[in-house]
Amino acid sequence: MAAPGNDSRDSLEQLVLAGVGVVALTADRIEELVDALVKRGGVQRDEARAAVEDTVSRWRGDATRVTERAGAGLQGVLREFGLVLRSEYEELELRVAQLEHRLKLLERHEDVTPPAA
Protein backbone atom coordinates (compact mmCIF):
# COMPACT_ATOMS: atom_id res chain seq x y z
CA MET A 1 0.00 0.00 0.00
CA ALA A 2 1.32 3.45 -0.93
CA ALA A 3 1.96 6.03 1.73
CA PRO A 4 -0.80 8.67 2.04
CA GLY A 5 1.58 11.46 1.00
CA ASN A 6 2.66 9.59 -2.12
CA ASP A 7 -0.94 9.18 -3.34
CA SER A 8 -1.64 12.92 -3.21
CA ARG A 9 1.77 13.64 -4.71
CA ASP A 10 1.05 11.26 -7.63
CA SER A 11 -2.32 12.91 -8.23
CA LEU A 12 -0.70 16.29 -8.05
CA GLU A 13 2.00 15.26 -10.52
CA GLN A 14 -0.59 13.89 -12.97
CA LEU A 15 -2.54 17.12 -12.77
CA VAL A 16 0.59 19.15 -13.37
CA LEU A 17 1.59 16.99 -16.35
CA ALA A 18 -1.84 17.51 -17.86
CA GLY A 19 -1.49 21.26 -17.35
CA VAL A 20 1.90 21.44 -19.00
CA GLY A 21 0.74 20.17 -22.38
CA VAL A 22 2.91 21.01 -25.35
CA VAL A 23 3.64 24.66 -24.59
CA ALA A 24 6.22 26.10 -22.25
CA LEU A 25 4.72 27.63 -19.15
CA THR A 26 5.45 31.23 -18.35
CA ALA A 27 6.08 32.33 -14.78
CA ASP A 28 2.56 33.83 -14.59
CA ARG A 29 0.99 30.62 -15.85
CA ILE A 30 2.98 28.60 -13.32
CA GLU A 31 1.64 30.83 -10.52
CA GLU A 32 -1.92 30.32 -11.79
CA LEU A 33 -1.39 26.56 -11.82
CA VAL A 34 0.03 26.59 -8.29
CA ASP A 35 -2.95 28.67 -7.09
CA ALA A 36 -5.37 26.21 -8.71
CA LEU A 37 -3.65 23.26 -7.02
CA VAL A 38 -3.75 24.94 -3.62
CA LYS A 39 -7.46 25.78 -4.03
CA ARG A 40 -8.25 22.14 -4.83
CA GLY A 41 -6.98 21.35 -1.37
CA GLY A 42 -4.75 18.74 0.18
CA VAL A 43 -1.60 20.50 -1.03
CA GLN A 44 0.41 23.28 0.54
CA ARG A 45 1.67 26.14 -1.61
CA ASP A 46 5.36 25.19 -1.27
CA GLU A 47 4.63 21.56 -2.18
CA ALA A 48 2.54 22.62 -5.18
CA ARG A 49 5.22 25.04 -6.39
CA ALA A 50 7.95 22.40 -6.04
CA ALA A 51 5.88 19.84 -7.95
CA VAL A 52 5.09 22.28 -10.76
CA GLU A 53 8.69 23.49 -11.09
CA ASP A 54 10.02 19.92 -10.98
CA THR A 55 7.59 18.79 -13.67
CA VAL A 56 8.27 21.79 -15.91
CA SER A 57 12.00 21.23 -15.51
CA ARG A 58 11.70 17.56 -16.50
CA TRP A 59 9.44 18.44 -19.44
CA ARG A 60 11.90 21.02 -20.74
CA GLY A 61 14.72 18.48 -20.43
CA ASP A 62 12.66 15.94 -22.38
CA ALA A 63 11.89 18.52 -25.05
CA THR A 64 15.60 19.30 -25.40
CA ARG A 65 16.47 15.62 -25.79
CA VAL A 66 13.76 15.11 -28.42
CA THR A 67 15.01 18.12 -30.34
CA GLU A 68 18.60 16.84 -30.23
CA ARG A 69 17.51 13.40 -31.48
CA ALA A 70 15.49 14.94 -34.30
CA GLY A 71 18.48 17.09 -35.28
CA ALA A 72 20.77 14.06 -35.30
CA GLY A 73 18.27 12.16 -37.47
CA LEU A 74 18.06 15.04 -39.92
CA GLN A 75 21.85 15.22 -40.12
CA GLY A 76 21.90 11.52 -41.01
CA VAL A 77 19.40 12.08 -43.82
CA LEU A 78 21.43 15.01 -45.17
CA ARG A 79 24.57 12.86 -45.18
CA GLU A 80 22.75 10.12 -47.11
CA PHE A 81 21.93 12.69 -49.80
CA GLY A 82 25.57 13.80 -49.85
CA LEU A 83 24.82 17.22 -48.37
CA VAL A 84 26.84 19.05 -45.73
CA LEU A 85 25.69 21.28 -42.90
CA ARG A 86 26.27 25.01 -43.13
CA SER A 87 28.50 24.86 -40.05
CA GLU A 88 30.68 22.19 -41.71
CA TYR A 89 30.87 24.22 -44.92
CA GLU A 90 31.86 27.36 -43.00
CA GLU A 91 34.51 25.41 -41.07
CA LEU A 92 36.02 24.16 -44.34
CA GLU A 93 35.87 27.65 -45.79
CA LEU A 94 37.82 28.96 -42.80
CA ARG A 95 40.42 26.19 -43.10
CA VAL A 96 40.93 26.95 -46.80
CA ALA A 97 41.36 30.66 -46.03
CA GLN A 98 43.95 29.79 -43.36
CA LEU A 99 45.85 27.55 -45.77
CA GLU A 100 45.80 30.26 -48.46
CA HIS A 101 47.17 32.75 -45.95
CA ARG A 102 49.97 30.39 -44.91
CA LEU A 103 50.82 29.72 -48.54
CA LYS A 104 51.07 33.46 -49.27
CA LEU A 105 53.37 33.88 -46.26
CA LEU A 106 55.60 31.07 -47.54
CA GLU A 107 55.67 32.55 -51.05
CA ARG A 108 56.64 35.97 -49.69
CA HIS A 109 59.33 34.36 -47.56
CA GLU A 110 60.78 32.66 -50.68
CA ASP A 111 60.74 35.97 -52.60
CA VAL A 112 62.64 37.75 -49.82
CA THR A 113 65.12 35.00 -49.00
CA PRO A 114 68.14 35.01 -51.36
CA PRO A 115 68.95 31.65 -52.97
CA ALA A 116 71.68 29.67 -51.19
CA ALA A 117 74.97 29.55 -53.06
C-alpha atoms as a PDB file:
ATOM      1  CA  MET A   1       0.000   0.000   0.000  1.00  0.00           C
ATOM      2  CA  ALA A   2       1.322   3.448  -0.933  1.00  0.00           C
ATOM      3  CA  ALA A   3       1.959   6.033   1.733  1.00  0.00           C
ATOM      4  CA  PRO A   4      -0.804   8.671   2.039  1.00  0.00           C
ATOM      5  CA  GLY A   5       1.579  11.460   0.997  1.00  0.00           C
ATOM      6  CA  ASN A   6       2.662   9.588  -2.119  1.00  0.00           C
ATOM      7  CA  ASP A   7      -0.935   9.181  -3.338  1.00  0.00           C
ATOM      8  CA  SER A   8      -1.641  12.924  -3.208  1.00  0.00           C
ATOM      9  CA  ARG A   9       1.768  13.635  -4.715  1.00  0.00           C
ATOM     10  CA  ASP A  10       1.050  11.261  -7.635  1.00  0.00           C
ATOM     11  CA  SER A  11      -2.325  12.909  -8.233  1.00  0.00           C
ATOM     12  CA  LEU A  12      -0.695  16.293  -8.050  1.00  0.00           C
ATOM     13  CA  GLU A  13       2.004  15.264 -10.520  1.00  0.00           C
ATOM     14  CA  GLN A  14      -0.585  13.889 -12.969  1.00  0.00           C
ATOM     15  CA  LEU A  15      -2.541  17.121 -12.774  1.00  0.00           C
ATOM     16  CA  VAL A  16       0.594  19.154 -13.372  1.00  0.00           C
ATOM     17  CA  LEU A  17       1.590  16.994 -16.347  1.00  0.00           C
ATOM     18  CA  ALA A  18      -1.842  17.514 -17.865  1.00  0.00           C
ATOM     19  CA  GLY A  19      -1.493  21.265 -17.352  1.00  0.00           C
ATOM     20  CA  VAL A  20       1.898  21.438 -19.002  1.00  0.00           C
ATOM     21  CA  GLY A  21       0.740  20.168 -22.380  1.00  0.00           C
ATOM     22  CA  VAL A  22       2.906  21.010 -25.354  1.00  0.00           C
ATOM     23  CA  VAL A  23       3.644  24.662 -24.587  1.00  0.00           C
ATOM     24  CA  ALA A  24       6.224  26.100 -22.252  1.00  0.00           C
ATOM     25  CA  LEU A  25       4.723  27.631 -19.154  1.00  0.00           C
ATOM     26  CA  THR A  26       5.445  31.234 -18.354  1.00  0.00           C
ATOM     27  CA  ALA A  27       6.079  32.329 -14.783  1.00  0.00           C
ATOM     28  CA  ASP A  28       2.558  33.831 -14.594  1.00  0.00           C
ATOM     29  CA  ARG A  29       0.989  30.620 -15.853  1.00  0.00           C
ATOM     30  CA  ILE A  30       2.978  28.598 -13.317  1.00  0.00           C
ATOM     31  CA  GLU A  31       1.641  30.828 -10.519  1.00  0.00           C
ATOM     32  CA  GLU A  32      -1.919  30.316 -11.795  1.00  0.00           C
ATOM     33  CA  LEU A  33      -1.393  26.555 -11.823  1.00  0.00           C
ATOM     34  CA  VAL A  34       0.033  26.592  -8.288  1.00  0.00           C
ATOM     35  CA  ASP A  35      -2.948  28.666  -7.089  1.00  0.00           C
ATOM     36  CA  ALA A  36      -5.368  26.206  -8.710  1.00  0.00           C
ATOM     37  CA  LEU A  37      -3.653  23.259  -7.023  1.00  0.00           C
ATOM     38  CA  VAL A  38      -3.754  24.940  -3.618  1.00  0.00           C
ATOM     39  CA  LYS A  39      -7.465  25.782  -4.033  1.00  0.00           C
ATOM     40  CA  ARG A  40      -8.251  22.139  -4.828  1.00  0.00           C
ATOM     41  CA  GLY A  41      -6.978  21.351  -1.370  1.00  0.00           C
ATOM     42  CA  GLY A  42      -4.749  18.741   0.176  1.00  0.00           C
ATOM     43  CA  VAL A  43      -1.600  20.496  -1.035  1.00  0.00           C
ATOM     44  CA  GLN A  44       0.408  23.282   0.540  1.00  0.00           C
ATOM     45  CA  ARG A  45       1.672  26.143  -1.613  1.00  0.00           C
ATOM     46  CA  ASP A  46       5.356  25.186  -1.271  1.00  0.00           C
ATOM     47  CA  GLU A  47       4.625  21.564  -2.182  1.00  0.00           C
ATOM     48  CA  ALA A  48       2.541  22.616  -5.177  1.00  0.00           C
ATOM     49  CA  ARG A  49       5.216  25.035  -6.387  1.00  0.00           C
ATOM     50  CA  ALA A  50       7.947  22.400  -6.036  1.00  0.00           C
ATOM     51  CA  ALA A  51       5.880  19.845  -7.949  1.00  0.00           C
ATOM     52  CA  VAL A  52       5.090  22.284 -10.764  1.00  0.00           C
ATOM     53  CA  GLU A  53       8.687  23.486 -11.088  1.00  0.00           C
ATOM     54  CA  ASP A  54      10.023  19.920 -10.984  1.00  0.00           C
ATOM     55  CA  THR A  55       7.589  18.792 -13.666  1.00  0.00           C
ATOM     56  CA  VAL A  56       8.273  21.793 -15.905  1.00  0.00           C
ATOM     57  CA  SER A  57      12.003  21.233 -15.513  1.00  0.00           C
ATOM     58  CA  ARG A  58      11.700  17.558 -16.500  1.00  0.00           C
ATOM     59  CA  TRP A  59       9.441  18.439 -19.436  1.00  0.00           C
ATOM     60  CA  ARG A  60      11.898  21.019 -20.738  1.00  0.00           C
ATOM     61  CA  GLY A  61      14.724  18.478 -20.434  1.00  0.00           C
ATOM     62  CA  ASP A  62      12.662  15.937 -22.378  1.00  0.00           C
ATOM     63  CA  ALA A  63      11.885  18.524 -25.048  1.00  0.00           C
ATOM     64  CA  THR A  64      15.601  19.305 -25.397  1.00  0.00           C
ATOM     65  CA  ARG A  65      16.474  15.622 -25.793  1.00  0.00           C
ATOM     66  CA  VAL A  66      13.760  15.107 -28.416  1.00  0.00           C
ATOM     67  CA  THR A  67      15.010  18.124 -30.344  1.00  0.00           C
ATOM     68  CA  GLU A  68      18.596  16.836 -30.228  1.00  0.00           C
ATOM     69  CA  ARG A  69      17.507  13.398 -31.478  1.00  0.00           C
ATOM     70  CA  ALA A  70      15.492  14.941 -34.299  1.00  0.00           C
ATOM     71  CA  GLY A  71      18.480  17.086 -35.281  1.00  0.00           C
ATOM     72  CA  ALA A  72      20.766  14.062 -35.300  1.00  0.00           C
ATOM     73  CA  GLY A  73      18.268  12.155 -37.468  1.00  0.00           C
ATOM     74  CA  LEU A  74      18.058  15.041 -39.919  1.00  0.00           C
ATOM     75  CA  GLN A  75      21.846  15.224 -40.123  1.00  0.00           C
ATOM     76  CA  GLY A  76      21.898  11.516 -41.011  1.00  0.00           C
ATOM     77  CA  VAL A  77      19.398  12.081 -43.817  1.00  0.00           C
ATOM     78  CA  LEU A  78      21.431  15.009 -45.166  1.00  0.00           C
ATOM     79  CA  ARG A  79      24.567  12.858 -45.179  1.00  0.00           C
ATOM     80  CA  GLU A  80      22.754  10.118 -47.113  1.00  0.00           C
ATOM     81  CA  PHE A  81      21.934  12.689 -49.802  1.00  0.00           C
ATOM     82  CA  GLY A  82      25.573  13.797 -49.855  1.00  0.00           C
ATOM     83  CA  LEU A  83      24.818  17.221 -48.374  1.00  0.00           C
ATOM     84  CA  VAL A  84      26.839  19.053 -45.729  1.00  0.00           C
ATOM     85  CA  LEU A  85      25.688  21.282 -42.901  1.00  0.00           C
ATOM     86  CA  ARG A  86      26.270  25.013 -43.132  1.00  0.00           C
ATOM     87  CA  SER A  87      28.505  24.863 -40.051  1.00  0.00           C
ATOM     88  CA  GLU A  88      30.684  22.190 -41.708  1.00  0.00           C
ATOM     89  CA  TYR A  89      30.870  24.225 -44.916  1.00  0.00           C
ATOM     90  CA  GLU A  90      31.861  27.360 -42.996  1.00  0.00           C
ATOM     91  CA  GLU A  91      34.508  25.410 -41.074  1.00  0.00           C
ATOM     92  CA  LEU A  92      36.024  24.159 -44.336  1.00  0.00           C
ATOM     93  CA  GLU A  93      35.865  27.653 -45.794  1.00  0.00           C
ATOM     94  CA  LEU A  94      37.824  28.963 -42.804  1.00  0.00           C
ATOM     95  CA  ARG A  95      40.421  26.186 -43.097  1.00  0.00           C
ATOM     96  CA  VAL A  96      40.935  26.947 -46.804  1.00  0.00           C
ATOM     97  CA  ALA A  97      41.363  30.660 -46.028  1.00  0.00           C
ATOM     98  CA  GLN A  98      43.949  29.793 -43.360  1.00  0.00           C
ATOM     99  CA  LEU A  99      45.849  27.552 -45.774  1.00  0.00           C
ATOM    100  CA  GLU A 100      45.796  30.259 -48.462  1.00  0.00           C
ATOM    101  CA  HIS A 101      47.168  32.753 -45.953  1.00  0.00           C
ATOM    102  CA  ARG A 102      49.967  30.386 -44.906  1.00  0.00           C
ATOM    103  CA  LEU A 103      50.820  29.719 -48.543  1.00  0.00           C
ATOM    104  CA  LYS A 104      51.074  33.462 -49.272  1.00  0.00           C
ATOM    105  CA  LEU A 105      53.371  33.881 -46.265  1.00  0.00           C
ATOM    106  CA  LEU A 106      55.600  31.070 -47.541  1.00  0.00           C
ATOM    107  CA  GLU A 107      55.671  32.546 -51.047  1.00  0.00           C
ATOM    108  CA  ARG A 108      56.637  35.967 -49.688  1.00  0.00           C
ATOM    109  CA  HIS A 109      59.332  34.364 -47.562  1.00  0.00           C
ATOM    110  CA  GLU A 110      60.777  32.660 -50.679  1.00  0.00           C
ATOM    111  CA  ASP A 111      60.745  35.968 -52.595  1.00  0.00           C
ATOM    112  CA  VAL A 112      62.642  37.752 -49.819  1.00  0.00           C
ATOM    113  CA  THR A 113      65.124  34.997 -48.997  1.00  0.00           C
ATOM    114  CA  PRO A 114      68.143  35.007 -51.360  1.00  0.00           C
ATOM    115  CA  PRO A 115      68.945  31.647 -52.970  1.00  0.00           C
ATOM    116  CA  ALA A 116      71.682  29.668 -51.192  1.00  0.00           C
ATOM    117  CA  ALA A 117      74.969  29.546 -53.063  1.00  0.00           C
END
